[in-house]
Amino acid sequence: MKRTVKKSPVAVKAAPARDTAALEEIKTLYGFMQKNSLETIDYASGETHIRLVRKRPNVIPVPVLQTVQAQTQASSAPARPAEYAGDTVNSPLQGIFFRAASPSSPPFVREGDTVKKGQVLCLIEAMKVFNEVKAEFDCKVNKVLIDNGKPVKSGEKLFAVEKR
């Protein structure tokens, strides 16, 4: 019985000097991939052909990164402002707090604004869905208690208000 052995491209060995040059090319290409957030890159030069593929897990990175950053900042930074004694508008769910519909849009409300019942105050992003937080009563916004883009918990105070 005759056996045939297939050699994969990885198993084929080149001269040591060529291996070092190829390794340096691979390192340079991988650095380029990371810098430019590429998932695949093909490179050919002479007899050399290199294809690099990075696979990413099926995870939504933005909220995770913001949560991790918030946790590390919380341990080193001072805690959020002390409890506010007056009336407040609280977060109805856990997510990321946004004062405006987009980074280039003006905030829905500013400190000192008078707000009518049902008016949108902010957005809370949860699982890539933007949920409007509306005023439950007529009021004046005295202070915004959360920074834009920061994670909030359900029930956390968002705005210090004065009922009208």
Protein backbone atom coordinates (compact mmCIF):
# COMPACT_ATOMS: atom_id res chain seq x y z
CA MET A 1 0.00 0.00 0.00
CA LYS A 2 1.44 3.33 -1.02
CA ARG A 3 0.99 6.41 1.15
CA THR A 4 0.88 9.92 -0.22
CA VAL A 5 1.63 12.83 2.01
CA LYS A 6 0.39 16.30 1.15
CA LYS A 7 2.49 19.17 2.32
CA SER A 8 0.61 22.22 3.48
CA PRO A 9 2.10 25.64 2.68
CA VAL A 10 2.78 26.15 6.38
CA ALA A 11 4.76 22.92 6.65
CA VAL A 12 7.15 23.81 3.81
CA LYS A 13 10.34 25.22 5.28
CA ALA A 14 12.41 27.92 3.65
CA ALA A 15 15.94 29.01 4.31
CA PRO A 16 16.42 30.58 7.81
CA ALA A 17 17.20 34.04 6.40
CA ARG A 18 14.05 33.96 4.34
CA ASP A 19 12.01 32.84 7.40
CA THR A 20 13.21 35.87 9.35
CA ALA A 21 12.32 38.24 6.51
CA ALA A 22 8.90 36.62 6.11
CA LEU A 23 8.29 36.85 9.85
CA GLU A 24 9.14 40.56 9.80
CA GLU A 25 6.75 41.05 6.85
CA ILE A 26 4.00 39.25 8.76
CA LYS A 27 4.58 41.38 11.88
CA THR A 28 4.47 44.56 9.79
CA LEU A 29 1.29 43.46 8.01
CA TYR A 30 -0.39 42.47 11.28
CA GLY A 31 0.45 45.86 12.78
CA PHE A 32 -1.05 47.50 9.69
CA MET A 33 -4.21 45.36 10.12
CA GLN A 34 -4.61 46.40 13.75
CA LYS A 35 -3.94 50.08 13.08
CA ASN A 36 -6.56 50.19 10.30
CA SER A 37 -9.08 47.77 11.91
CA LEU A 38 -8.87 45.32 9.01
CA GLU A 39 -10.08 41.74 9.30
CA THR A 40 -8.33 40.34 6.19
CA ILE A 41 -5.23 41.30 4.25
CA ASP A 42 -3.55 39.69 1.22
CA TYR A 43 0.05 40.48 0.34
CA ALA A 44 2.14 39.15 -2.54
CA SER A 45 5.74 39.93 -3.45
CA GLY A 46 7.65 37.70 -5.85
CA GLU A 47 7.14 34.11 -4.74
CA THR A 48 5.85 35.18 -1.32
CA HIS A 49 2.10 35.28 -0.73
CA ILE A 50 0.74 36.11 2.72
CA ARG A 51 -2.93 36.14 3.73
CA LEU A 52 -3.82 37.18 7.27
CA VAL A 53 -7.33 36.84 8.67
CA ARG A 54 -8.46 38.07 12.09
CA LYS A 55 -11.71 36.75 13.43
CA ARG A 56 -13.63 38.79 15.92
CA PRO A 57 -16.10 37.36 18.41
CA ASN A 58 -19.79 38.09 17.81
CA VAL A 59 -19.89 40.73 20.50
CA ILE A 60 -21.02 44.33 20.26
CA PRO A 61 -17.83 46.11 21.43
CA VAL A 62 -18.96 49.69 22.00
CA PRO A 63 -21.17 49.27 25.10
CA VAL A 64 -18.78 46.71 26.55
CA LEU A 65 -15.84 49.07 26.19
CA GLN A 66 -17.77 51.95 27.70
CA THR A 67 -18.84 49.80 30.63
CA VAL A 68 -15.28 48.58 31.25
CA GLN A 69 -13.94 52.14 31.04
CA ALA A 70 -16.62 53.34 33.44
CA GLN A 71 -15.77 50.61 35.95
CA THR A 72 -12.05 51.39 35.86
CA GLN A 73 -12.72 55.12 36.15
CA ALA A 74 -15.13 54.55 39.03
CA SER A 75 -12.43 52.88 41.08
CA SER A 76 -9.94 55.72 40.55
CA ALA A 77 -12.22 58.74 40.05
CA PRO A 78 -14.45 60.34 42.67
CA ALA A 79 -17.99 59.00 42.92
CA ARG A 80 -20.90 60.68 41.16
CA PRO A 81 -22.32 63.82 42.75
CA ALA A 82 -23.96 63.50 46.15
CA GLU A 83 -27.64 62.67 46.31
CA TYR A 84 -29.90 65.46 45.10
CA ALA A 85 -32.66 66.26 47.60
CA GLY A 86 -35.21 67.84 45.22
CA ASP A 87 -37.35 66.41 42.43
CA THR A 88 -35.55 64.34 39.82
CA VAL A 89 -36.11 62.54 36.54
CA ASN A 90 -34.74 59.01 36.80
CA SER A 91 -33.56 56.52 34.20
CA PRO A 92 -36.27 53.99 33.35
CA LEU A 93 -33.68 51.38 32.28
CA GLN A 94 -29.98 50.54 32.24
CA GLY A 95 -27.98 51.75 29.25
CA ILE A 96 -25.93 54.64 27.88
CA PHE A 97 -27.13 58.23 28.49
CA PHE A 98 -27.25 60.63 25.53
CA ARG A 99 -28.34 64.27 25.75
CA ALA A 100 -28.90 64.64 21.98
CA ALA A 101 -30.09 62.58 19.01
CA SER A 102 -26.62 62.71 17.40
CA PRO A 103 -23.19 64.15 18.23
CA SER A 104 -23.83 67.13 15.92
CA SER A 105 -27.36 67.82 17.23
CA PRO A 106 -28.07 70.22 20.11
CA PRO A 107 -29.11 68.64 23.43
CA PHE A 108 -32.81 67.99 23.95
CA VAL A 109 -32.75 70.16 27.10
CA ARG A 110 -30.25 72.42 28.82
CA GLU A 111 -29.99 73.57 32.41
CA GLY A 112 -32.53 76.31 32.99
CA ASP A 113 -34.96 75.12 30.28
CA THR A 114 -38.67 74.87 31.06
CA VAL A 115 -40.09 71.52 29.94
CA LYS A 116 -43.66 70.44 29.22
CA LYS A 117 -45.08 67.03 30.12
CA GLY A 118 -44.23 64.51 27.37
CA GLN A 119 -41.24 66.46 26.02
CA VAL A 120 -38.13 64.37 25.26
CA LEU A 121 -35.34 64.99 27.78
CA CYS A 122 -32.70 62.50 26.62
CA LEU A 123 -32.07 59.09 25.08
CA ILE A 124 -30.99 55.87 26.80
CA GLU A 125 -29.35 53.34 24.48
CA ALA A 126 -29.91 49.73 25.48
CA MET A 127 -28.97 46.86 23.17
CA LYS A 128 -28.60 49.21 20.17
CA VAL A 129 -32.11 50.63 20.69
CA PHE A 130 -32.48 54.31 21.55
CA ASN A 131 -35.25 54.86 24.10
CA GLU A 132 -36.67 58.35 24.65
CA VAL A 133 -36.97 59.56 28.22
CA LYS A 134 -39.87 61.99 28.40
CA ALA A 135 -40.89 64.42 31.13
CA GLU A 136 -43.68 63.02 33.30
CA PHE A 137 -44.73 66.52 34.43
CA ASP A 138 -44.12 70.20 33.62
CA CYS A 139 -40.83 71.28 35.16
CA LYS A 140 -37.71 73.40 34.99
CA VAL A 141 -34.36 71.58 34.48
CA ASN A 142 -32.03 72.79 37.25
CA LYS A 143 -29.09 70.45 36.64
CA VAL A 144 -28.01 67.60 34.37
CA LEU A 145 -26.64 64.97 36.76
CA ILE A 146 -25.04 62.56 34.23
CA ASP A 147 -22.35 63.21 31.62
CA ASN A 148 -23.18 62.53 27.99
CA GLY A 149 -22.20 59.03 26.81
CA LYS A 150 -21.90 57.57 30.31
CA PRO A 151 -23.57 54.34 31.45
CA VAL A 152 -26.56 54.63 33.78
CA LYS A 153 -28.45 52.14 35.91
CA SER A 154 -32.18 51.73 36.10
CA GLY A 155 -33.58 54.26 38.59
CA GLU A 156 -30.44 56.44 38.55
CA LYS A 157 -31.09 60.20 38.72
CA LEU A 158 -30.57 61.94 35.37
CA PHE A 159 -31.90 65.48 35.91
CA ALA A 160 -32.54 67.65 38.95
CA VAL A 161 -35.81 69.44 38.25
CA GLU A 162 -38.28 71.81 39.84
CA LYS A 163 -41.96 70.91 39.31
CA ARG A 164 -44.19 73.63 37.83
